[in-house]
Amino acid sequence: MSYKIVWDKKTKEAIQKFPFVISSRIYKKINELVEEPFSKIRRLKGINAFKLRVGDYRVILSIDVQNKIICVLKIGHRKNIYDNLK
């Protein structure tokens, strides 16, 4: 059974402001997670979340294994994505 992807409202609005080339790469990478999410992500230290690399951008995710839900929490450039996470 594959995972369901749920977007945070602010994150969905933020990705629509990105250039089309970048946002389409991010959507593609996130959609690849539905079958086997743990093969492409890394756990973040200090908080219960994961990161997905997409070039110079990072996607912060939380995963509910029991209910098979991937929640997209935050998307941004690698230089400032980790600000205000904790």
PDB file of N, CA and C in Angstrom:
ATOM      1  N   MET A   1       0.848  -1.192   0.000  1.00  0.00           N
ATOM      2  CA  MET A   1       0.000   0.000   0.000  1.00  0.00           C
ATOM      3  C   MET A   1       0.889   1.249   0.000  1.00  0.00           C
ATOM      4  N   SER A   2       0.557   2.199  -0.817  1.00  0.00           N
ATOM      5  CA  SER A   2       1.383   3.401  -0.915  1.00  0.00           C
ATOM      6  C   SER A   2       0.932   4.468   0.075  1.00  0.00           C
ATOM      7  N   TYR A   3       1.810   5.420   0.281  1.00  0.00           N
ATOM      8  CA  TYR A   3       1.556   6.521   1.205  1.00  0.00           C
ATOM      9  C   TYR A   3       0.726   7.612   0.528  1.00  0.00           C
ATOM     10  N   LYS A   4      -0.010   8.355   1.337  1.00  0.00           N
ATOM     11  CA  LYS A   4      -0.779   9.500   0.858  1.00  0.00           C
ATOM     12  C   LYS A   4       0.002  10.769   1.211  1.00  0.00           C
ATOM     13  N   ILE A   5       0.028  11.734   0.302  1.00  0.00           N
ATOM     14  CA  ILE A   5       0.751  12.983   0.541  1.00  0.00           C
ATOM     15  C   ILE A   5      -0.243  14.073   0.930  1.00  0.00           C
ATOM     16  N   VAL A   6       0.035  14.724   2.061  1.00  0.00           N
ATOM     17  CA  VAL A   6      -0.799  15.817   2.564  1.00  0.00           C
ATOM     18  C   VAL A   6       0.070  17.069   2.631  1.00  0.00           C
ATOM     19  N   TRP A   7      -0.440  18.169   2.102  1.00  0.00           N
ATOM     20  CA  TRP A   7       0.314  19.433   2.070  1.00  0.00           C
ATOM     21  C   TRP A   7      -0.186  20.392   3.139  1.00  0.00           C
ATOM     22  N   ASP A   8       0.753  21.037   3.824  1.00  0.00           N
ATOM     23  CA  ASP A   8       0.430  22.150   4.699  1.00  0.00           C
ATOM     24  C   ASP A   8      -0.032  23.310   3.807  1.00  0.00           C
ATOM     25  N   LYS A   9      -1.047  24.047   4.236  1.00  0.00           N
ATOM     26  CA  LYS A   9      -1.620  25.111   3.404  1.00  0.00           C
ATOM     27  C   LYS A   9      -0.572  26.163   3.004  1.00  0.00           C
ATOM     28  N   LYS A  10       0.238  26.608   3.963  1.00  0.00           N
ATOM     29  CA  LYS A  10       1.259  27.623   3.672  1.00  0.00           C
ATOM     30  C   LYS A  10       2.327  27.090   2.720  1.00  0.00           C
ATOM     31  N   THR A  11       2.658  25.822   2.856  1.00  0.00           N
ATOM     32  CA  THR A  11       3.658  25.206   1.983  1.00  0.00           C
ATOM     33  C   THR A  11       3.138  25.106   0.558  1.00  0.00           C
ATOM     34  N   LYS A  12       1.888  24.766   0.403  1.00  0.00           N
ATOM     35  CA  LYS A  12       1.267  24.676  -0.925  1.00  0.00           C
ATOM     36  C   LYS A  12       1.277  26.048  -1.600  1.00  0.00           C
ATOM     37  N   GLU A  13       0.992  27.095  -0.833  1.00  0.00           N
ATOM     38  CA  GLU A  13       1.034  28.460  -1.383  1.00  0.00           C
ATOM     39  C   GLU A  13       2.462  28.869  -1.725  1.00  0.00           C
ATOM     40  N   ALA A  14       3.422  28.471  -0.893  1.00  0.00           N
ATOM     41  CA  ALA A  14       4.814  28.859  -1.105  1.00  0.00           C
ATOM     42  C   ALA A  14       5.391  28.225  -2.365  1.00  0.00           C
ATOM     43  N   ILE A  15       5.087  26.968  -2.621  1.00  0.00           N
ATOM     44  CA  ILE A  15       5.669  26.303  -3.783  1.00  0.00           C
ATOM     45  C   ILE A  15       5.124  26.886  -5.086  1.00  0.00           C
ATOM     46  N   GLN A  16       3.942  27.448  -5.055  1.00  0.00           N
ATOM     47  CA  GLN A  16       3.376  28.049  -6.257  1.00  0.00           C
ATOM     48  C   GLN A  16       4.096  29.337  -6.641  1.00  0.00           C
ATOM     49  N   LYS A  17       4.875  29.911  -5.723  1.00  0.00           N
ATOM     50  CA  LYS A  17       5.638  31.125  -6.003  1.00  0.00           C
ATOM     51  C   LYS A  17       7.021  30.814  -6.591  1.00  0.00           C
ATOM     52  N   PHE A  18       7.430  29.547  -6.541  1.00  0.00           N
ATOM     53  CA  PHE A  18       8.725  29.147  -7.082  1.00  0.00           C
ATOM     54  C   PHE A  18       8.674  29.164  -8.611  1.00  0.00           C
ATOM     55  N   PRO A  19       9.839  29.298  -9.260  1.00  0.00           N
ATOM     56  CA  PRO A  19       9.864  29.154 -10.721  1.00  0.00           C
ATOM     57  C   PRO A  19       9.356  27.762 -11.116  1.00  0.00           C
ATOM     58  N   PHE A  20       8.719  27.664 -12.279  1.00  0.00           N
ATOM     59  CA  PHE A  20       8.087  26.418 -12.709  1.00  0.00           C
ATOM     60  C   PHE A  20       9.071  25.249 -12.742  1.00  0.00           C
ATOM     61  N   VAL A  21      10.278  25.478 -13.214  1.00  0.00           N
ATOM     62  CA  VAL A  21      11.274  24.403 -13.322  1.00  0.00           C
ATOM     63  C   VAL A  21      11.571  23.808 -11.949  1.00  0.00           C
ATOM     64  N   ILE A  22      11.724  24.654 -10.962  1.00  0.00           N
ATOM     65  CA  ILE A  22      12.045  24.193  -9.604  1.00  0.00           C
ATOM     66  C   ILE A  22      10.835  23.508  -8.973  1.00  0.00           C
ATOM     67  N   SER A  23       9.672  24.128  -9.071  1.00  0.00           N
ATOM     68  CA  SER A  23       8.485  23.535  -8.440  1.00  0.00           C
ATOM     69  C   SER A  23       8.134  22.185  -9.066  1.00  0.00           C
ATOM     70  N   SER A  24       8.310  22.036 -10.358  1.00  0.00           N
ATOM     71  CA  SER A  24       7.994  20.750 -10.991  1.00  0.00           C
ATOM     72  C   SER A  24       8.967  19.662 -10.538  1.00  0.00           C
ATOM     73  N   ARG A  25      10.256  20.013 -10.337  1.00  0.00           N
ATOM     74  CA  ARG A  25      11.226  19.045  -9.808  1.00  0.00           C
ATOM     75  C   ARG A  25      10.854  18.623  -8.388  1.00  0.00           C
ATOM     76  N   ILE A  26      10.417  19.590  -7.589  1.00  0.00           N
ATOM     77  CA  ILE A  26      10.033  19.297  -6.205  1.00  0.00           C
ATOM     78  C   ILE A  26       8.805  18.388  -6.172  1.00  0.00           C
ATOM     79  N   TYR A  27       7.783  18.715  -6.970  1.00  0.00           N
ATOM     80  CA  TYR A  27       6.583  17.868  -7.033  1.00  0.00           C
ATOM     81  C   TYR A  27       6.945  16.439  -7.449  1.00  0.00           C
ATOM     82  N   LYS A  28       7.818  16.326  -8.445  1.00  0.00           N
ATOM     83  CA  LYS A  28       8.217  15.007  -8.940  1.00  0.00           C
ATOM     84  C   LYS A  28       8.903  14.193  -7.843  1.00  0.00           C
ATOM     85  N   LYS A  29       9.848  14.822  -7.129  1.00  0.00           N
ATOM     86  CA  LYS A  29      10.571  14.134  -6.050  1.00  0.00           C
ATOM     87  C   LYS A  29       9.634  13.706  -4.923  1.00  0.00           C
ATOM     88  N   ILE A  30       8.704  14.590  -4.560  1.00  0.00           N
ATOM     89  CA  ILE A  30       7.758  14.269  -3.485  1.00  0.00           C
ATOM     90  C   ILE A  30       6.865  13.105  -3.905  1.00  0.00           C
ATOM     91  N   ASN A  31       6.407  13.116  -5.139  1.00  0.00           N
ATOM     92  CA  ASN A  31       5.541  12.032  -5.618  1.00  0.00           C
ATOM     93  C   ASN A  31       6.270  10.698  -5.708  1.00  0.00           C
ATOM     94  N   GLU A  32       7.593  10.722  -5.829  1.00  0.00           N
ATOM     95  CA  GLU A  32       8.370   9.481  -5.830  1.00  0.00           C
ATOM     96  C   GLU A  32       8.381   8.819  -4.454  1.00  0.00           C
ATOM     97  N   LEU A  33       8.047   9.571  -3.415  1.00  0.00           N
ATOM     98  CA  LEU A  33       8.075   9.046  -2.049  1.00  0.00           C
ATOM     99  C   LEU A  33       6.908   8.120  -1.714  1.00  0.00           C
ATOM    100  N   VAL A  34       5.840   8.125  -2.491  1.00  0.00           N
ATOM    101  CA  VAL A  34       4.630   7.385  -2.111  1.00  0.00           C
ATOM    102  C   VAL A  34       4.849   5.885  -1.991  1.00  0.00           C
ATOM    103  N   GLU A  35       5.764   5.320  -2.753  1.00  0.00           N
ATOM    104  CA  GLU A  35       5.993   3.878  -2.685  1.00  0.00           C
ATOM    105  C   GLU A  35       6.973   3.491  -1.582  1.00  0.00           C
ATOM    106  N   GLU A  36       8.115   4.153  -1.509  1.00  0.00           N
ATOM    107  CA  GLU A  36       9.139   3.824  -0.519  1.00  0.00           C
ATOM    108  C   GLU A  36       9.807   5.099  -0.018  1.00  0.00           C
ATOM    109  N   PRO A  37       9.199   5.801   0.939  1.00  0.00           N
ATOM    110  CA  PRO A  37       9.715   7.108   1.354  1.00  0.00           C
ATOM    111  C   PRO A  37      11.067   7.064   2.058  1.00  0.00           C
ATOM    112  N   PHE A  38      11.349   6.024   2.791  1.00  0.00           N
ATOM    113  CA  PHE A  38      12.551   6.017   3.619  1.00  0.00           C
ATOM    114  C   PHE A  38      13.843   5.777   2.831  1.00  0.00           C
ATOM    115  N   SER A  39      13.735   5.494   1.550  1.00  0.00           N
ATOM    116  CA  SER A  39      14.936   5.296   0.746  1.00  0.00           C
ATOM    117  C   SER A  39      15.538   6.612   0.259  1.00  0.00           C
ATOM    118  N   LYS A  40      14.764   7.704   0.285  1.00  0.00           N
ATOM    119  CA  LYS A  40      15.219   8.969  -0.280  1.00  0.00           C
ATOM    120  C   LYS A  40      15.327  10.116   0.720  1.00  0.00           C
ATOM    121  N   ILE A  41      14.995   9.862   1.984  1.00  0.00           N
ATOM    122  CA  ILE A  41      14.969  10.942   2.968  1.00  0.00           C
ATOM    123  C   ILE A  41      15.956  10.675   4.093  1.00  0.00           C
ATOM    124  N   ARG A  42      16.253  11.726   4.850  1.00  0.00           N
ATOM    125  CA  ARG A  42      17.125  11.634   6.021  1.00  0.00           C
ATOM    126  C   ARG A  42      16.401  12.252   7.217  1.00  0.00           C
ATOM    127  N   ARG A  43      16.615  11.660   8.388  1.00  0.00           N
ATOM    128  CA  ARG A  43      16.002  12.182   9.617  1.00  0.00           C
ATOM    129  C   ARG A  43      16.733  13.442  10.056  1.00  0.00           C
ATOM    130  N   LEU A  44      15.978  14.425  10.529  1.00  0.00           N
ATOM    131  CA  LEU A  44      16.560  15.652  11.069  1.00  0.00           C
ATOM    132  C   LEU A  44      16.834  15.466  12.560  1.00  0.00           C
ATOM    133  N   LYS A  45      17.911  16.044  13.016  1.00  0.00           N
ATOM    134  CA  LYS A  45      18.253  15.957  14.432  1.00  0.00           C
ATOM    135  C   LYS A  45      17.481  17.016  15.220  1.00  0.00           C
ATOM    136  N   GLY A  46      17.023  16.665  16.396  1.00  0.00           N
ATOM    137  CA  GLY A  46      16.374  17.621  17.282  1.00  0.00           C
ATOM    138  C   GLY A  46      14.874  17.742  17.133  1.00  0.00           C
ATOM    139  N   ILE A  47      14.339  17.354  15.982  1.00  0.00           N
ATOM    140  CA  ILE A  47      12.888  17.400  15.792  1.00  0.00           C
ATOM    141  C   ILE A  47      12.428  16.113  15.113  1.00  0.00           C
ATOM    142  N   ASN A  48      11.159  15.821  15.206  1.00  0.00           N
ATOM    143  CA  ASN A  48      10.608  14.613  14.616  1.00  0.00           C
ATOM    144  C   ASN A  48      10.187  14.901  13.173  1.00  0.00           C
ATOM    145  N   ALA A  49      11.172  15.014  12.291  1.00  0.00           N
ATOM    146  CA  ALA A  49      10.896  15.317  10.893  1.00  0.00           C
ATOM    147  C   ALA A  49      12.018  14.771  10.018  1.00  0.00           C
ATOM    148  N   PHE A  50      11.794  14.828   8.724  1.00  0.00           N
ATOM    149  CA  PHE A  50      12.744  14.333   7.750  1.00  0.00           C
ATOM    150  C   PHE A  50      12.996  15.403   6.703  1.00  0.00           C
ATOM    151  N   LYS A  51      14.126  15.254   5.965  1.00  0.00           N
ATOM    152  CA  LYS A  51      14.413  16.181   4.877  1.00  0.00           C
ATOM    153  C   LYS A  51      14.587  15.403   3.587  1.00  0.00           C
ATOM    154  N   LEU A  52      14.176  16.032   2.506  1.00  0.00           N
ATOM    155  CA  LEU A  52      14.343  15.499   1.162  1.00  0.00           C
ATOM    156  C   LEU A  52      15.117  16.521   0.359  1.00  0.00           C
ATOM    157  N   ARG A  53      16.224  16.114  -0.250  1.00  0.00           N
ATOM    158  CA  ARG A  53      17.035  17.014  -1.078  1.00  0.00           C
ATOM    159  C   ARG A  53      16.487  17.070  -2.485  1.00  0.00           C
ATOM    160  N   VAL A  54      16.338  18.292  -2.997  1.00  0.00           N
ATOM    161  CA  VAL A  54      15.972  18.502  -4.391  1.00  0.00           C
ATOM    162  C   VAL A  54      16.874  19.617  -4.896  1.00  0.00           C
ATOM    163  N   GLY A  55      18.059  19.262  -5.355  1.00  0.00           N
ATOM    164  CA  GLY A  55      19.040  20.261  -5.777  1.00  0.00           C
ATOM    165  C   GLY A  55      19.432  21.139  -4.605  1.00  0.00           C
ATOM    166  N   ASP A  56      19.304  22.459  -4.766  1.00  0.00           N
ATOM    167  CA  ASP A  56      19.624  23.404  -3.694  1.00  0.00           C
ATOM    168  C   ASP A  56      18.458  23.621  -2.732  1.00  0.00           C
ATOM    169  N   TYR A  57      17.362  22.928  -2.949  1.00  0.00           N
ATOM    170  CA  TYR A  57      16.168  23.094  -2.117  1.00  0.00           C
ATOM    171  C   TYR A  57      15.975  21.889  -1.214  1.00  0.00           C
ATOM    172  N   ARG A  58      15.289  22.117  -0.099  1.00  0.00           N
ATOM    173  CA  ARG A  58      14.988  21.051   0.850  1.00  0.00           C
ATOM    174  C   ARG A  58      13.494  21.042   1.136  1.00  0.00           C
ATOM    175  N   VAL A  59      12.972  19.840   1.319  1.00  0.00           N
ATOM    176  CA  VAL A  59      11.576  19.648   1.684  1.00  0.00           C
ATOM    177  C   VAL A  59      11.581  19.010   3.066  1.00  0.00           C
ATOM    178  N   ILE A  60      10.903  19.647   4.014  1.00  0.00           N
ATOM    179  CA  ILE A  60      10.795  19.124   5.373  1.00  0.00           C
ATOM    180  C   ILE A  60       9.474  18.359   5.466  1.00  0.00           C
ATOM    181  N   LEU A  61       9.564  17.110   5.915  1.00  0.00           N
ATOM    182  CA  LEU A  61       8.407  16.210   5.933  1.00  0.00           C
ATOM    183  C   LEU A  61       8.219  15.588   7.305  1.00  0.00           C
ATOM    184  N   SER A  62       6.989  15.221   7.601  1.00  0.00           N
ATOM    185  CA  SER A  62       6.735  14.335   8.734  1.00  0.00           C
ATOM    186  C   SER A  62       6.015  13.117   8.153  1.00  0.00           C
ATOM    187  N   ILE A  63       6.263  11.962   8.747  1.00  0.00           N
ATOM    188  CA  ILE A  63       5.687  10.730   8.216  1.00  0.00           C
ATOM    189  C   ILE A  63       4.960   9.978   9.318  1.00  0.00           C
ATOM    190  N   ASP A  64       3.714   9.658   9.044  1.00  0.00           N
ATOM    191  CA  ASP A  64       2.898   8.834   9.928  1.00  0.00           C
ATOM    192  C   ASP A  64       2.878   7.429   9.315  1.00  0.00           C
ATOM    193  N   VAL A  65       3.721   6.549   9.848  1.00  0.00           N
ATOM    194  CA  VAL A  65       3.883   5.211   9.277  1.00  0.00           C
ATOM    195  C   VAL A  65       2.612   4.384   9.458  1.00  0.00           C
ATOM    196  N   GLN A  66       1.973   4.509  10.602  1.00  0.00           N
ATOM    197  CA  GLN A  66       0.779   3.720  10.888  1.00  0.00           C
ATOM    198  C   GLN A  66      -0.347   4.002   9.898  1.00  0.00           C
ATOM    199  N   ASN A  67      -0.584   5.284   9.625  1.00  0.00           N
ATOM    200  CA  ASN A  67      -1.668   5.669   8.718  1.00  0.00           C
ATOM    201  C   ASN A  67      -1.202   5.875   7.282  1.00  0.00           C
ATOM    202  N   LYS A  68       0.104   5.679   7.027  1.00  0.00           N
ATOM    203  CA  LYS A  68       0.698   5.823   5.692  1.00  0.00           C
ATOM    204  C   LYS A  68       0.448   7.214   5.111  1.00  0.00           C
ATOM    205  N   ILE A  69       0.825   8.251   5.886  1.00  0.00           N
ATOM    206  CA  ILE A  69       0.650   9.638   5.460  1.00  0.00           C
ATOM    207  C   ILE A  69       1.988  10.364   5.510  1.00  0.00           C
ATOM    208  N   ILE A  70       2.305  11.062   4.425  1.00  0.00           N
ATOM    209  CA  ILE A  70       3.480  11.935   4.364  1.00  0.00           C
ATOM    210  C   ILE A  70       2.957  13.359   4.363  1.00  0.00           C
ATOM    211  N   CYS A  71       3.356  14.149   5.346  1.00  0.00           N
ATOM    212  CA  CYS A  71       2.913  15.541   5.435  1.00  0.00           C
ATOM    213  C   CYS A  71       4.072  16.454   5.031  1.00  0.00           C
ATOM    214  N   VAL A  72       3.850  17.270   4.009  1.00  0.00           N
ATOM    215  CA  VAL A  72       4.854  18.222   3.539  1.00  0.00           C
ATOM    216  C   VAL A  72       4.708  19.478   4.391  1.00  0.00           C
ATOM    217  N   LEU A  73       5.717  19.738   5.246  1.00  0.00           N
ATOM    218  CA  LEU A  73       5.634  20.822   6.212  1.00  0.00           C
ATOM    219  C   LEU A  73       6.209  22.139   5.721  1.00  0.00           C
ATOM    220  N   LYS A  74       7.358  22.067   5.012  1.00  0.00           N
ATOM    221  CA  LYS A  74       8.060  23.286   4.643  1.00  0.00           C
ATOM    222  C   LYS A  74       8.950  23.018   3.435  1.00  0.00           C
ATOM    223  N   ILE A  75       9.064  24.004   2.552  1.00  0.00           N
ATOM    224  CA  ILE A  75       9.942  23.909   1.385  1.00  0.00           C
ATOM    225  C   ILE A  75      10.712  25.210   1.281  1.00  0.00           C
ATOM    226  N   GLY A  76      12.025  25.106   1.027  1.00  0.00           N
ATOM    227  CA  GLY A  76      12.817  26.317   0.875  1.00  0.00           C
ATOM    228  C   GLY A  76      14.233  26.027   0.446  1.00  0.00           C
ATOM    229  N   HIS A  77      14.980  27.086   0.246  1.00  0.00           N
ATOM    230  CA  HIS A  77      16.381  26.972  -0.154  1.00  0.00           C
ATOM    231  C   HIS A  77      17.191  26.431   1.016  1.00  0.00           C
ATOM    232  N   ARG A  78      18.225  25.684   0.706  1.00  0.00           N
ATOM    233  CA  ARG A  78      18.998  25.013   1.760  1.00  0.00           C
ATOM    234  C   ARG A  78      19.673  25.964   2.726  1.00  0.00           C
ATOM    235  N   LYS A  79      19.942  27.208   2.299  1.00  0.00           N
ATOM    236  CA  LYS A  79      20.648  28.131   3.183  1.00  0.00           C
ATOM    237  C   LYS A  79      19.767  28.665   4.314  1.00  0.00           C
ATOM    238  N   ASN A  80      18.438  28.652   4.131  1.00  0.00           N
ATOM    239  CA  ASN A  80      17.583  29.194   5.189  1.00  0.00           C
ATOM    240  C   ASN A  80      16.381  28.317   5.564  1.00  0.00           C
ATOM    241  N   ILE A  81      16.317  27.117   5.054  1.00  0.00           N
ATOM    242  CA  ILE A  81      15.169  26.256   5.359  1.00  0.00           C
ATOM    243  C   ILE A  81      15.133  25.826   6.821  1.00  0.00           C
ATOM    244  N   TYR A  82      16.313  25.711   7.438  1.00  0.00           N
ATOM    245  CA  TYR A  82      16.351  25.191   8.811  1.00  0.00           C
ATOM    246  C   TYR A  82      16.146  26.281   9.869  1.00  0.00           C
ATOM    247  N   ASP A  83      16.055  27.555   9.457  1.00  0.00           N
ATOM    248  CA  ASP A  83      15.767  28.626  10.403  1.00  0.00           C
ATOM    249  C   ASP A  83      14.356  28.455  10.952  1.00  0.00           C
ATOM    250  N   ASN A  84      14.178  28.638  12.231  1.00  0.00           N
ATOM    251  CA  ASN A  84      12.874  28.590  12.897  1.00  0.00           C
ATOM    252  C   ASN A  84      12.183  27.231  12.782  1.00  0.00           C
ATOM    253  N   LEU A  85      12.916  26.151  12.744  1.00  0.00           N
ATOM    254  CA  LEU A  85      12.293  24.830  12.661  1.00  0.00           C
ATOM    255  C   LEU A  85      11.930  24.260  14.019  1.00  0.00           C
ATOM    256  N   LYS A  86      12.694  24.590  15.042  1.00  0.00           N
ATOM    257  CA  LYS A  86      12.475  23.932  16.335  1.00  0.00           C
ATOM    258  C   LYS A  86      11.360  24.513  17.119  1.00  0.00           C
TER     259      LYS A  86
END
